[in-house]
Amino acid sequence: MVKNITYAPKFQKNFKKLASNYAERVKKLIEKIITDPEVGKPMQYDRKGTREVYLKPFRLSYAYDKTTDHLFFLEVYHKDEQ
């Protein structure tokens, strides 16, 4: 279980725009990530150090710092906007 959680402004802005059925699914996914932060797929290249979870048709991007036990939710976006 993660001790510190931060939601980026871009994440909060995009989360508010989601339809209610997707928002509920994202909330469940956030709970899953909080219990196991390494559940997402590790990213490469310029996004190295972040992870993503796919929630059709959206992606949830986050970063986890093991040393400080801090979880950063970076962005939730449509797959086509990648």
C-alpha atoms as a PDB file:
ATOM      1  CA  MET A   1       0.000   0.000   0.000  1.00  0.00           C
ATOM      2  CA  VAL A   2       1.383   3.377  -1.052  1.00  0.00           C
ATOM      3  CA  LYS A   3       1.720   6.124   1.571  1.00  0.00           C
ATOM      4  CA  ASN A   4       1.869   9.286  -0.598  1.00  0.00           C
ATOM      5  CA  ILE A   5      -0.309   9.929  -3.647  1.00  0.00           C
ATOM      6  CA  THR A   6      -0.273  12.968  -5.935  1.00  0.00           C
ATOM      7  CA  TYR A   7      -2.647  13.741  -8.805  1.00  0.00           C
ATOM      8  CA  ALA A   8      -1.220  15.969 -11.538  1.00  0.00           C
ATOM      9  CA  PRO A   9      -3.383  18.911 -12.684  1.00  0.00           C
ATOM     10  CA  LYS A  10      -3.605  17.398 -16.178  1.00  0.00           C
ATOM     11  CA  PHE A  11      -4.857  14.129 -14.675  1.00  0.00           C
ATOM     12  CA  GLN A  12      -7.526  15.931 -12.638  1.00  0.00           C
ATOM     13  CA  LYS A  13      -8.651  17.991 -15.632  1.00  0.00           C
ATOM     14  CA  ASN A  14      -9.020  14.955 -17.914  1.00  0.00           C
ATOM     15  CA  PHE A  15     -10.623  12.839 -15.196  1.00  0.00           C
ATOM     16  CA  LYS A  16     -13.411  15.419 -14.755  1.00  0.00           C
ATOM     17  CA  LYS A  17     -14.199  15.163 -18.469  1.00  0.00           C
ATOM     18  CA  LEU A  18     -14.759  11.383 -18.371  1.00  0.00           C
ATOM     19  CA  ALA A  19     -18.244   9.942 -18.570  1.00  0.00           C
ATOM     20  CA  SER A  20     -19.458   8.533 -15.259  1.00  0.00           C
ATOM     21  CA  ASN A  21     -19.124   4.870 -16.316  1.00  0.00           C
ATOM     22  CA  TYR A  22     -15.463   5.412 -17.283  1.00  0.00           C
ATOM     23  CA  ALA A  23     -14.789   7.455 -14.154  1.00  0.00           C
ATOM     24  CA  GLU A  24     -15.941   4.551 -11.974  1.00  0.00           C
ATOM     25  CA  ARG A  25     -13.697   2.136 -13.867  1.00  0.00           C
ATOM     26  CA  VAL A  26     -10.743   4.513 -13.491  1.00  0.00           C
ATOM     27  CA  LYS A  27     -11.386   4.786  -9.738  1.00  0.00           C
ATOM     28  CA  LYS A  28     -11.267   0.985  -9.415  1.00  0.00           C
ATOM     29  CA  LEU A  29      -8.070   0.923 -11.435  1.00  0.00           C
ATOM     30  CA  ILE A  30      -6.532   3.594  -9.177  1.00  0.00           C
ATOM     31  CA  GLU A  31      -7.329   1.438  -6.137  1.00  0.00           C
ATOM     32  CA  LYS A  32      -5.632  -1.518  -7.819  1.00  0.00           C
ATOM     33  CA  ILE A  33      -2.545   0.572  -8.607  1.00  0.00           C
ATOM     34  CA  ILE A  34      -2.354   1.867  -5.036  1.00  0.00           C
ATOM     35  CA  THR A  35      -2.250  -1.688  -3.683  1.00  0.00           C
ATOM     36  CA  ASP A  36       0.311  -2.836  -6.290  1.00  0.00           C
ATOM     37  CA  PRO A  37       2.125   0.084  -7.991  1.00  0.00           C
ATOM     38  CA  GLU A  38       4.064  -2.186 -10.346  1.00  0.00           C
ATOM     39  CA  VAL A  39       0.950  -3.541 -12.069  1.00  0.00           C
ATOM     40  CA  GLY A  40       1.303  -1.237 -15.098  1.00  0.00           C
ATOM     41  CA  LYS A  41       3.467  -1.673 -18.160  1.00  0.00           C
ATOM     42  CA  PRO A  42       6.854   0.103 -17.849  1.00  0.00           C
ATOM     43  CA  MET A  43       7.373   2.749 -20.534  1.00  0.00           C
ATOM     44  CA  GLN A  44      10.539   3.349 -22.567  1.00  0.00           C
ATOM     45  CA  TYR A  45      12.535   6.133 -24.192  1.00  0.00           C
ATOM     46  CA  ASP A  46      11.331   9.651 -23.289  1.00  0.00           C
ATOM     47  CA  ARG A  47       8.684   8.262 -20.912  1.00  0.00           C
ATOM     48  CA  LYS A  48      11.095   6.001 -19.025  1.00  0.00           C
ATOM     49  CA  GLY A  49      10.311   5.834 -15.320  1.00  0.00           C
ATOM     50  CA  THR A  50       6.552   5.899 -15.874  1.00  0.00           C
ATOM     51  CA  ARG A  51       4.028   3.104 -16.201  1.00  0.00           C
ATOM     52  CA  GLU A  52       0.728   2.768 -18.047  1.00  0.00           C
ATOM     53  CA  VAL A  53      -2.420   0.749 -17.601  1.00  0.00           C
ATOM     54  CA  TYR A  54      -4.803   0.264 -20.513  1.00  0.00           C
ATOM     55  CA  LEU A  55      -8.501   0.750 -19.840  1.00  0.00           C
ATOM     56  CA  LYS A  56     -10.171   0.474 -23.217  1.00  0.00           C
ATOM     57  CA  PRO A  57     -10.154   3.059 -24.904  1.00  0.00           C
ATOM     58  CA  PHE A  58      -8.187   5.069 -22.313  1.00  0.00           C
ATOM     59  CA  ARG A  59      -4.713   4.876 -20.823  1.00  0.00           C
ATOM     60  CA  LEU A  60      -3.760   5.843 -17.320  1.00  0.00           C
ATOM     61  CA  SER A  61      -0.181   7.028 -16.924  1.00  0.00           C
ATOM     62  CA  TYR A  62       1.563   7.109 -13.557  1.00  0.00           C
ATOM     63  CA  ALA A  63       4.975   7.077 -11.921  1.00  0.00           C
ATOM     64  CA  TYR A  64       6.060   5.372  -8.727  1.00  0.00           C
ATOM     65  CA  ASP A  65       9.091   6.287  -6.640  1.00  0.00           C
ATOM     66  CA  LYS A  66      10.050   3.299  -4.486  1.00  0.00           C
ATOM     67  CA  THR A  67      12.521   5.206  -2.322  1.00  0.00           C
ATOM     68  CA  THR A  68       9.933   7.701  -1.034  1.00  0.00           C
ATOM     69  CA  ASP A  69       6.910   5.399  -1.540  1.00  0.00           C
ATOM     70  CA  HIS A  70       5.243   8.148  -3.596  1.00  0.00           C
ATOM     71  CA  LEU A  71       2.755   7.531  -6.407  1.00  0.00           C
ATOM     72  CA  PHE A  72       2.136  10.209  -9.063  1.00  0.00           C
ATOM     73  CA  PHE A  73      -0.906   9.918 -11.313  1.00  0.00           C
ATOM     74  CA  LEU A  74       0.193  11.831 -14.405  1.00  0.00           C
ATOM     75  CA  GLU A  75      -2.525  11.586 -17.008  1.00  0.00           C
ATOM     76  CA  VAL A  76      -5.588   9.750 -18.237  1.00  0.00           C
ATOM     77  CA  TYR A  77      -6.047  10.076 -21.988  1.00  0.00           C
ATOM     78  CA  HIS A  78      -7.706   8.492 -25.001  1.00  0.00           C
ATOM     79  CA  LYS A  79      -5.579   5.934 -26.808  1.00  0.00           C
ATOM     80  CA  ASP A  80      -5.901   7.816 -30.109  1.00  0.00           C
ATOM     81  CA  GLU A  81      -4.283  10.928 -28.538  1.00  0.00           C
ATOM     82  CA  GLN A  82      -1.049   9.068 -27.892  1.00  0.00           C
END
